[in-house]
Amino acid sequence: MESEGLKSSVLADNIGVNRATISHILSGRNKPSIDFLEKLLHTYPNINANWLISGIGFMTTQKEVNEVKVAKKIGKVVVFYDDNSFEEMGK
């Protein structure tokens, strides 16, 4: 919700669940059902299912993470030597 800038009511409407369902999950009263997870992942396919269930890995799918990495450009490289000296290599 935070990464998409969504309120819980909008998320509930987007995935087709009761607003109370989201409220109960966020409060810790209930755990999300398989049906809920299916709807969430169907509506937001960029979410990494493994991360969603276990908390392991990246929040978004690896494809999206790679796209972000490709967009970044290296500005400079610093090489550190054993004698504690270094050399900066820029453009």
PDB file of N, CA and C in Angstrom:
ATOM      1  N   MET A   1       0.832  -1.181   0.000  1.00  0.00           N
ATOM      2  CA  MET A   1       0.000   0.000   0.000  1.00  0.00           C
ATOM      3  C   MET A   1       0.877   1.245   0.000  1.00  0.00           C
ATOM      4  N   GLU A   2       1.907   1.216   0.804  1.00  0.00           N
ATOM      5  CA  GLU A   2       2.781   2.383   0.903  1.00  0.00           C
ATOM      6  C   GLU A   2       3.493   2.664  -0.413  1.00  0.00           C
ATOM      7  N   SER A   3       4.043   1.626  -1.039  1.00  0.00           N
ATOM      8  CA  SER A   3       4.796   1.840  -2.277  1.00  0.00           C
ATOM      9  C   SER A   3       3.897   2.298  -3.426  1.00  0.00           C
ATOM     10  N   GLU A   4       2.620   1.941  -3.398  1.00  0.00           N
ATOM     11  CA  GLU A   4       1.675   2.349  -4.433  1.00  0.00           C
ATOM     12  C   GLU A   4       0.909   3.610  -4.039  1.00  0.00           C
ATOM     13  N   GLY A   5       1.099   4.056  -2.786  1.00  0.00           N
ATOM     14  CA  GLY A   5       0.390   5.242  -2.302  1.00  0.00           C
ATOM     15  C   GLY A   5      -1.109   5.028  -2.176  1.00  0.00           C
ATOM     16  N   LEU A   6      -1.488   3.826  -1.718  1.00  0.00           N
ATOM     17  CA  LEU A   6      -2.909   3.480  -1.631  1.00  0.00           C
ATOM     18  C   LEU A   6      -3.415   3.504  -0.200  1.00  0.00           C
ATOM     19  N   LYS A   7      -4.647   3.933  -0.058  1.00  0.00           N
ATOM     20  CA  LYS A   7      -5.346   3.782   1.224  1.00  0.00           C
ATOM     21  C   LYS A   7      -5.917   2.373   1.252  1.00  0.00           C
ATOM     22  N   SER A   8      -6.193   1.884   2.442  1.00  0.00           N
ATOM     23  CA  SER A   8      -6.692   0.515   2.568  1.00  0.00           C
ATOM     24  C   SER A   8      -8.020   0.328   1.843  1.00  0.00           C
ATOM     25  N   SER A   9      -8.862   1.342   1.850  1.00  0.00           N
ATOM     26  CA  SER A   9     -10.157   1.229   1.167  1.00  0.00           C
ATOM     27  C   SER A   9      -9.978   1.103  -0.344  1.00  0.00           C
ATOM     28  N   VAL A  10      -9.012   1.817  -0.910  1.00  0.00           N
ATOM     29  CA  VAL A  10      -8.749   1.737  -2.350  1.00  0.00           C
ATOM     30  C   VAL A  10      -8.175   0.373  -2.702  1.00  0.00           C
ATOM     31  N   LEU A  11      -7.257  -0.134  -1.870  1.00  0.00           N
ATOM     32  CA  LEU A  11      -6.701  -1.466  -2.098  1.00  0.00           C
ATOM     33  C   LEU A  11      -7.805  -2.514  -2.088  1.00  0.00           C
ATOM     34  N   ALA A  12      -8.678  -2.425  -1.106  1.00  0.00           N
ATOM     35  CA  ALA A  12      -9.798  -3.383  -1.009  1.00  0.00           C
ATOM     36  C   ALA A  12     -10.657  -3.341  -2.274  1.00  0.00           C
ATOM     37  N   ASP A  13     -10.973  -2.137  -2.727  1.00  0.00           N
ATOM     38  CA  ASP A  13     -11.777  -2.004  -3.943  1.00  0.00           C
ATOM     39  C   ASP A  13     -11.039  -2.551  -5.160  1.00  0.00           C
ATOM     40  N   ASN A  14      -9.738  -2.276  -5.252  1.00  0.00           N
ATOM     41  CA  ASN A  14      -8.941  -2.721  -6.403  1.00  0.00           C
ATOM     42  C   ASN A  14      -8.881  -4.239  -6.522  1.00  0.00           C
ATOM     43  N   ILE A  15      -8.746  -4.917  -5.381  1.00  0.00           N
ATOM     44  CA  ILE A  15      -8.591  -6.376  -5.448  1.00  0.00           C
ATOM     45  C   ILE A  15      -9.912  -7.121  -5.243  1.00  0.00           C
ATOM     46  N   GLY A  16     -10.964  -6.376  -4.935  1.00  0.00           N
ATOM     47  CA  GLY A  16     -12.282  -6.993  -4.826  1.00  0.00           C
ATOM     48  C   GLY A  16     -12.528  -7.723  -3.526  1.00  0.00           C
ATOM     49  N   VAL A  17     -12.089  -7.134  -2.427  1.00  0.00           N
ATOM     50  CA  VAL A  17     -12.381  -7.716  -1.115  1.00  0.00           C
ATOM     51  C   VAL A  17     -13.084  -6.673  -0.257  1.00  0.00           C
ATOM     52  N   ASN A  18     -13.655  -7.142   0.821  1.00  0.00           N
ATOM     53  CA  ASN A  18     -14.316  -6.288   1.787  1.00  0.00           C
ATOM     54  C   ASN A  18     -13.296  -5.356   2.427  1.00  0.00           C
ATOM     55  N   ARG A  19     -13.660  -4.132   2.683  1.00  0.00           N
ATOM     56  CA  ARG A  19     -12.734  -3.190   3.332  1.00  0.00           C
ATOM     57  C   ARG A  19     -12.336  -3.663   4.732  1.00  0.00           C
ATOM     58  N   ALA A  20     -13.267  -4.332   5.389  1.00  0.00           N
ATOM     59  CA  ALA A  20     -12.973  -4.862   6.721  1.00  0.00           C
ATOM     60  C   ALA A  20     -11.877  -5.925   6.665  1.00  0.00           C
ATOM     61  N   THR A  21     -11.807  -6.663   5.555  1.00  0.00           N
ATOM     62  CA  THR A  21     -10.773  -7.687   5.391  1.00  0.00           C
ATOM     63  C   THR A  21      -9.388  -7.067   5.492  1.00  0.00           C
ATOM     64  N   ILE A  22      -9.191  -5.954   4.793  1.00  0.00           N
ATOM     65  CA  ILE A  22      -7.900  -5.259   4.832  1.00  0.00           C
ATOM     66  C   ILE A  22      -7.634  -4.751   6.237  1.00  0.00           C
ATOM     67  N   SER A  23      -8.637  -4.158   6.860  1.00  0.00           N
ATOM     68  CA  SER A  23      -8.492  -3.629   8.211  1.00  0.00           C
ATOM     69  C   SER A  23      -8.070  -4.719   9.199  1.00  0.00           C
ATOM     70  N   HIS A  24      -8.696  -5.884   9.109  1.00  0.00           N
ATOM     71  CA  HIS A  24      -8.381  -6.989  10.017  1.00  0.00           C
ATOM     72  C   HIS A  24      -6.969  -7.534   9.775  1.00  0.00           C
ATOM     73  N   ILE A  25      -6.541  -7.574   8.531  1.00  0.00           N
ATOM     74  CA  ILE A  25      -5.181  -8.049   8.227  1.00  0.00           C
ATOM     75  C   ILE A  25      -4.153  -7.055   8.748  1.00  0.00           C
ATOM     76  N   LEU A  26      -4.382  -5.759   8.504  1.00  0.00           N
ATOM     77  CA  LEU A  26      -3.432  -4.734   8.949  1.00  0.00           C
ATOM     78  C   LEU A  26      -3.330  -4.656  10.469  1.00  0.00           C
ATOM     79  N   SER A  27      -4.425  -4.920  11.160  1.00  0.00           N
ATOM     80  CA  SER A  27      -4.412  -4.860  12.631  1.00  0.00           C
ATOM     81  C   SER A  27      -3.815  -6.115  13.253  1.00  0.00           C
ATOM     82  N   GLY A  28      -3.643  -7.169  12.431  1.00  0.00           N
ATOM     83  CA  GLY A  28      -3.113  -8.420  12.950  1.00  0.00           C
ATOM     84  C   GLY A  28      -4.180  -9.359  13.461  1.00  0.00           C
ATOM     85  N   ARG A  29      -5.429  -8.947  13.380  1.00  0.00           N
ATOM     86  CA  ARG A  29      -6.529  -9.799  13.854  1.00  0.00           C
ATOM     87  C   ARG A  29      -6.637 -11.068  13.015  1.00  0.00           C
ATOM     88  N   ASN A  30      -6.507 -10.914  11.688  1.00  0.00           N
ATOM     89  CA  ASN A  30      -6.578 -12.050  10.773  1.00  0.00           C
ATOM     90  C   ASN A  30      -5.326 -12.117   9.921  1.00  0.00           C
ATOM     91  N   LYS A  31      -5.031 -13.315   9.445  1.00  0.00           N
ATOM     92  CA  LYS A  31      -3.960 -13.490   8.471  1.00  0.00           C
ATOM     93  C   LYS A  31      -4.608 -13.572   7.090  1.00  0.00           C
ATOM     94  N   PRO A  32      -3.881 -13.126   6.059  1.00  0.00           N
ATOM     95  CA  PRO A  32      -4.482 -13.173   4.720  1.00  0.00           C
ATOM     96  C   PRO A  32      -4.701 -14.606   4.255  1.00  0.00           C
ATOM     97  N   SER A  33      -5.835 -14.830   3.621  1.00  0.00           N
ATOM     98  CA  SER A  33      -6.158 -16.159   3.091  1.00  0.00           C
ATOM     99  C   SER A  33      -5.465 -16.350   1.746  1.00  0.00           C
ATOM    100  N   ILE A  34      -5.461 -17.589   1.266  1.00  0.00           N
ATOM    101  CA  ILE A  34      -4.915 -17.883  -0.058  1.00  0.00           C
ATOM    102  C   ILE A  34      -5.714 -17.117  -1.117  1.00  0.00           C
ATOM    103  N   ASP A  35      -7.011 -17.052  -0.970  1.00  0.00           N
ATOM    104  CA  ASP A  35      -7.858 -16.312  -1.906  1.00  0.00           C
ATOM    105  C   ASP A  35      -7.460 -14.837  -1.944  1.00  0.00           C
ATOM    106  N   PHE A  36      -7.212 -14.252  -0.783  1.00  0.00           N
ATOM    107  CA  PHE A  36      -6.794 -12.858  -0.699  1.00  0.00           C
ATOM    108  C   PHE A  36      -5.456 -12.659  -1.408  1.00  0.00           C
ATOM    109  N   LEU A  37      -4.493 -13.548  -1.135  1.00  0.00           N
ATOM    110  CA  LEU A  37      -3.174 -13.436  -1.763  1.00  0.00           C
ATOM    111  C   LEU A  37      -3.272 -13.572  -3.279  1.00  0.00           C
ATOM    112  N   GLU A  38      -4.117 -14.499  -3.745  1.00  0.00           N
ATOM    113  CA  GLU A  38      -4.334 -14.667  -5.185  1.00  0.00           C
ATOM    114  C   GLU A  38      -4.858 -13.387  -5.824  1.00  0.00           C
ATOM    115  N   LYS A  39      -5.843 -12.775  -5.199  1.00  0.00           N
ATOM    116  CA  LYS A  39      -6.422 -11.540  -5.730  1.00  0.00           C
ATOM    117  C   LYS A  39      -5.393 -10.411  -5.735  1.00  0.00           C
ATOM    118  N   LEU A  40      -4.626 -10.320  -4.681  1.00  0.00           N
ATOM    119  CA  LEU A  40      -3.604  -9.277  -4.579  1.00  0.00           C
ATOM    120  C   LEU A  40      -2.543  -9.448  -5.656  1.00  0.00           C
ATOM    121  N   LEU A  41      -2.055 -10.665  -5.825  1.00  0.00           N
ATOM    122  CA  LEU A  41      -1.005 -10.929  -6.818  1.00  0.00           C
ATOM    123  C   LEU A  41      -1.533 -10.816  -8.251  1.00  0.00           C
ATOM    124  N   HIS A  42      -2.802 -11.125  -8.445  1.00  0.00           N
ATOM    125  CA  HIS A  42      -3.401 -10.971  -9.780  1.00  0.00           C
ATOM    126  C   HIS A  42      -3.518  -9.489 -10.146  1.00  0.00           C
ATOM    127  N   THR A  43      -3.893  -8.680  -9.179  1.00  0.00           N
ATOM    128  CA  THR A  43      -4.080  -7.246  -9.414  1.00  0.00           C
ATOM    129  C   THR A  43      -2.748  -6.512  -9.479  1.00  0.00           C
ATOM    130  N   TYR A  44      -1.774  -6.960  -8.688  1.00  0.00           N
ATOM    131  CA  TYR A  44      -0.454  -6.334  -8.636  1.00  0.00           C
ATOM    132  C   TYR A  44       0.607  -7.390  -8.969  1.00  0.00           C
ATOM    133  N   PRO A  45       0.752  -7.737 -10.245  1.00  0.00           N
ATOM    134  CA  PRO A  45       1.664  -8.821 -10.635  1.00  0.00           C
ATOM    135  C   PRO A  45       3.141  -8.509 -10.421  1.00  0.00           C
ATOM    136  N   ASN A  46       3.480  -7.258 -10.168  1.00  0.00           N
ATOM    137  CA  ASN A  46       4.884  -6.921  -9.914  1.00  0.00           C
ATOM    138  C   ASN A  46       5.325  -7.266  -8.490  1.00  0.00           C
ATOM    139  N   ILE A  47       4.393  -7.656  -7.623  1.00  0.00           N
ATOM    140  CA  ILE A  47       4.747  -8.049  -6.254  1.00  0.00           C
ATOM    141  C   ILE A  47       5.329  -9.453  -6.281  1.00  0.00           C
ATOM    142  N   ASN A  48       6.438  -9.630  -5.618  1.00  0.00           N
ATOM    143  CA  ASN A  48       7.107 -10.923  -5.507  1.00  0.00           C
ATOM    144  C   ASN A  48       6.332 -11.777  -4.495  1.00  0.00           C
ATOM    145  N   ALA A  49       5.733 -12.862  -4.957  1.00  0.00           N
ATOM    146  CA  ALA A  49       4.916 -13.718  -4.088  1.00  0.00           C
ATOM    147  C   ALA A  49       5.737 -14.292  -2.933  1.00  0.00           C
ATOM    148  N   ASN A  50       6.984 -14.653  -3.184  1.00  0.00           N
ATOM    149  CA  ASN A  50       7.827 -15.192  -2.117  1.00  0.00           C
ATOM    150  C   ASN A  50       8.036 -14.141  -1.023  1.00  0.00           C
ATOM    151  N   TRP A  51       8.297 -12.911  -1.415  1.00  0.00           N
ATOM    152  CA  TRP A  51       8.477 -11.835  -0.439  1.00  0.00           C
ATOM    153  C   TRP A  51       7.184 -11.604   0.336  1.00  0.00           C
ATOM    154  N   LEU A  52       6.062 -11.613  -0.379  1.00  0.00           N
ATOM    155  CA  LEU A  52       4.779 -11.355   0.255  1.00  0.00           C
ATOM    156  C   LEU A  52       4.470 -12.382   1.340  1.00  0.00           C
ATOM    157  N   ILE A  53       4.799 -13.632   1.076  1.00  0.00           N
ATOM    158  CA  ILE A  53       4.477 -14.707   2.020  1.00  0.00           C
ATOM    159  C   ILE A  53       5.531 -14.870   3.104  1.00  0.00           C
ATOM    160  N   SER A  54       6.809 -14.783   2.720  1.00  0.00           N
ATOM    161  CA  SER A  54       7.873 -15.094   3.677  1.00  0.00           C
ATOM    162  C   SER A  54       8.687 -13.887   4.137  1.00  0.00           C
ATOM    163  N   GLY A  55       8.615 -12.790   3.385  1.00  0.00           N
ATOM    164  CA  GLY A  55       9.442 -11.622   3.714  1.00  0.00           C
ATOM    165  C   GLY A  55      10.854 -11.741   3.186  1.00  0.00           C
ATOM    166  N   ILE A  56      11.138 -12.784   2.423  1.00  0.00           N
ATOM    167  CA  ILE A  56      12.477 -13.029   1.902  1.00  0.00           C
ATOM    168  C   ILE A  56      12.558 -12.535   0.460  1.00  0.00           C
ATOM    169  N   GLY A  57      13.644 -11.852   0.142  1.00  0.00           N
ATOM    170  CA  GLY A  57      13.854 -11.382  -1.219  1.00  0.00           C
ATOM    171  C   GLY A  57      13.402  -9.947  -1.396  1.00  0.00           C
ATOM    172  N   PHE A  58      13.182  -9.577  -2.638  1.00  0.00           N
ATOM    173  CA  PHE A  58      12.767  -8.227  -2.975  1.00  0.00           C
ATOM    174  C   PHE A  58      11.251  -8.132  -3.007  1.00  0.00           C
ATOM    175  N   MET A  59      10.731  -6.954  -2.694  1.00  0.00           N
ATOM    176  CA  MET A  59       9.286  -6.755  -2.696  1.00  0.00           C
ATOM    177  C   MET A  59       8.717  -6.903  -4.105  1.00  0.00           C
ATOM    178  N   THR A  60       9.449  -6.416  -5.082  1.00  0.00           N
ATOM    179  CA  THR A  60       8.965  -6.502  -6.458  1.00  0.00           C
ATOM    180  C   THR A  60       9.661  -7.644  -7.175  1.00  0.00           C
ATOM    181  N   THR A  61       9.103  -8.022  -8.300  1.00  0.00           N
ATOM    182  CA  THR A  61       9.682  -9.118  -9.063  1.00  0.00           C
ATOM    183  C   THR A  61      11.080  -8.748  -9.530  1.00  0.00           C
ATOM    184  N   GLN A  62      11.908  -9.745  -9.745  1.00  0.00           N
ATOM    185  CA  GLN A  62      13.293  -9.519 -10.135  1.00  0.00           C
ATOM    186  C   GLN A  62      13.392  -8.740 -11.439  1.00  0.00           C
ATOM    187  N   LYS A  63      12.451  -8.946 -12.346  1.00  0.00           N
ATOM    188  CA  LYS A  63      12.466  -8.234 -13.621  1.00  0.00           C
ATOM    189  C   LYS A  63      12.429  -6.733 -13.380  1.00  0.00           C
ATOM    190  N   GLU A  64      11.551  -6.295 -12.491  1.00  0.00           N
ATOM    191  CA  GLU A  64      11.443  -4.869 -12.198  1.00  0.00           C
ATOM    192  C   GLU A  64      12.702  -4.360 -11.516  1.00  0.00           C
ATOM    193  N   VAL A  65      13.278  -5.155 -10.621  1.00  0.00           N
ATOM    194  CA  VAL A  65      14.517  -4.758  -9.952  1.00  0.00           C
ATOM    195  C   VAL A  65      15.624  -4.575 -10.980  1.00  0.00           C
ATOM    196  N   ASN A  66      15.726  -5.493 -11.956  1.00  0.00           N
ATOM    197  CA  ASN A  66      16.740  -5.381 -13.001  1.00  0.00           C
ATOM    198  C   ASN A  66      16.534  -4.128 -13.841  1.00  0.00           C
ATOM    199  N   GLU A  67      15.297  -3.777 -14.116  1.00  0.00           N
ATOM    200  CA  GLU A  67      15.023  -2.583 -14.898  1.00  0.00           C
ATOM    201  C   GLU A  67      15.504  -1.342 -14.170  1.00  0.00           C
ATOM    202  N   VAL A  68      15.358  -1.316 -12.848  1.00  0.00           N
ATOM    203  CA  VAL A  68      15.832  -0.184 -12.067  1.00  0.00           C
ATOM    204  C   VAL A  68      17.355  -0.125 -12.113  1.00  0.00           C
ATOM    205  N   LYS A  69      18.015  -1.262 -12.006  1.00  0.00           N
ATOM    206  CA  LYS A  69      19.465  -1.292 -12.055  1.00  0.00           C
ATOM    207  C   LYS A  69      19.992  -0.817 -13.402  1.00  0.00           C
ATOM    208  N   VAL A  70      19.338  -1.181 -14.470  1.00  0.00           N
ATOM    209  CA  VAL A  70      19.772  -0.783 -15.809  1.00  0.00           C
ATOM    210  C   VAL A  70      19.686   0.729 -15.958  1.00  0.00           C
ATOM    211  N   ALA A  71      18.717   1.349 -15.331  1.00  0.00           N
ATOM    212  CA  ALA A  71      18.525   2.782 -15.456  1.00  0.00           C
ATOM    213  C   ALA A  71      19.637   3.577 -14.778  1.00  0.00           C
ATOM    214  N   LYS A  72      20.348   2.982 -13.834  1.00  0.00           N
ATOM    215  CA  LYS A  72      21.422   3.677 -13.120  1.00  0.00           C
ATOM    216  C   LYS A  72      22.703   3.622 -13.930  1.00  0.00           C
ATOM    217  N   LYS A  73      23.469   4.701 -13.865  1.00  0.00           N
ATOM    218  CA  LYS A  73      24.747   4.749 -14.553  1.00  0.00           C
ATOM    219  C   LYS A  73      25.858   4.947 -13.525  1.00  0.00           C
ATOM    220  N   ILE A  74      26.999   4.361 -13.789  1.00  0.00           N
ATOM    221  CA  ILE A  74      28.139   4.476 -12.882  1.00  0.00           C
ATOM    222  C   ILE A  74      28.767   5.849 -13.069  1.00  0.00           C
ATOM    223  N   GLY A  75      28.910   6.575 -11.979  1.00  0.00           N
ATOM    224  CA  GLY A  75      29.518   7.902 -12.025  1.00  0.00           C
ATOM    225  C   GLY A  75      31.019   7.862 -11.840  1.00  0.00           C
ATOM    226  N   LYS A  76      31.474   7.011 -10.927  1.00  0.00           N
ATOM    227  CA  LYS A  76      32.909   6.855 -10.699  1.00  0.00           C
ATOM    228  C   LYS A  76      33.172   5.535  -9.995  1.00  0.00           C
ATOM    229  N   VAL A  77      34.407   5.093 -10.078  1.00  0.00           N
ATOM    230  CA  VAL A  77      34.837   3.870  -9.428  1.00  0.00           C
ATOM    231  C   VAL A  77      36.047   4.207  -8.570  1.00  0.00           C
ATOM    232  N   VAL A  78      36.048   3.702  -7.347  1.00  0.00           N
ATOM    233  CA  VAL A  78      37.192   3.917  -6.459  1.00  0.00           C
ATOM    234  C   VAL A  78      37.834   2.561  -6.198  1.00  0.00           C
ATOM    235  N   VAL A  79      39.145   2.472  -6.452  1.00  0.00           N
ATOM    236  CA  VAL A  79      39.899   1.240  -6.228  1.00  0.00           C
ATOM    237  C   VAL A  79      40.747   1.431  -4.982  1.00  0.00           C
ATOM    238  N   PHE A  80      40.611   0.529  -4.010  1.00  0.00           N
ATOM    239  CA  PHE A  80      41.402   0.574  -2.783  1.00  0.00           C
ATOM    240  C   PHE A  80      42.492  -0.485  -2.869  1.00  0.00           C
ATOM    241  N   TYR A  81      43.726  -0.078  -2.558  1.00  0.00           N
ATOM    242  CA  TYR A  81      44.871  -0.977  -2.621  1.00  0.00           C
ATOM    243  C   TYR A  81      45.249  -1.461  -1.232  1.00  0.00           C
ATOM    244  N   ASP A  82      46.045  -2.542  -1.186  1.00  0.00           N
ATOM    245  CA  ASP A  82      46.466  -3.130   0.087  1.00  0.00           C
ATOM    246  C   ASP A  82      47.238  -2.153   0.968  1.00  0.00           C
ATOM    247  N   ASP A  83      47.945  -1.193   0.375  1.00  0.00           N
ATOM    248  CA  ASP A  83      48.740  -0.247   1.167  1.00  0.00           C
ATOM    249  C   ASP A  83      47.904   0.948   1.660  1.00  0.00           C
ATOM    250  N   ASN A  84      46.593   0.812   1.650  1.00  0.00           N
ATOM    251  CA  ASN A  84      45.644   1.811   2.091  1.00  0.00           C
ATOM    252  C   ASN A  84      45.558   3.035   1.191  1.00  0.00           C
ATOM    253  N   SER A  85      46.165   2.987   0.041  1.00  0.00           N
ATOM    254  CA  SER A  85      46.009   4.068  -0.922  1.00  0.00           C
ATOM    255  C   SER A  85      44.796   3.738  -1.803  1.00  0.00           C
ATOM    256  N   PHE A  86      44.351   4.718  -2.530  1.00  0.00           N
ATOM    257  CA  PHE A  86      43.223   4.487  -3.432  1.00  0.00           C
ATOM    258  C   PHE A  86      43.353   5.336  -4.673  1.00  0.00           C
ATOM    259  N   GLU A  87      42.608   4.961  -5.663  1.00  0.00           N
ATOM    260  CA  GLU A  87      42.606   5.678  -6.931  1.00  0.00           C
ATOM    261  C   GLU A  87      41.150   5.835  -7.370  1.00  0.00           C
ATOM    262  N   GLU A  88      40.776   7.059  -7.692  1.00  0.00           N
ATOM    263  CA  GLU A  88      39.412   7.338  -8.133  1.00  0.00           C
ATOM    264  C   GLU A  88      39.403   7.429  -9.659  1.00  0.00           C
ATOM    265  N   MET A  89      38.497   6.671 -10.252  1.00  0.00           N
ATOM    266  CA  MET A  89      38.400   6.678 -11.716  1.00  0.00           C
ATOM    267  C   MET A  89      37.024   7.212 -12.080  1.00  0.00           C
ATOM    268  N   GLY A  90      36.979   8.384 -12.662  1.00  0.00           N
ATOM    269  CA  GLY A  90      35.721   8.995 -13.070  1.00  0.00           C
ATOM    270  C   GLY A  90      35.604   9.017 -14.567  1.00  0.00           C
ATOM    271  N   LYS A  91      34.605   9.723 -15.014  1.00  0.00           N
ATOM    272  CA  LYS A  91      34.364   9.831 -16.457  1.00  0.00           C
ATOM    273  C   LYS A  91      35.397  10.712 -17.106  1.00  0.00           C
TER     274      LYS A  91
END
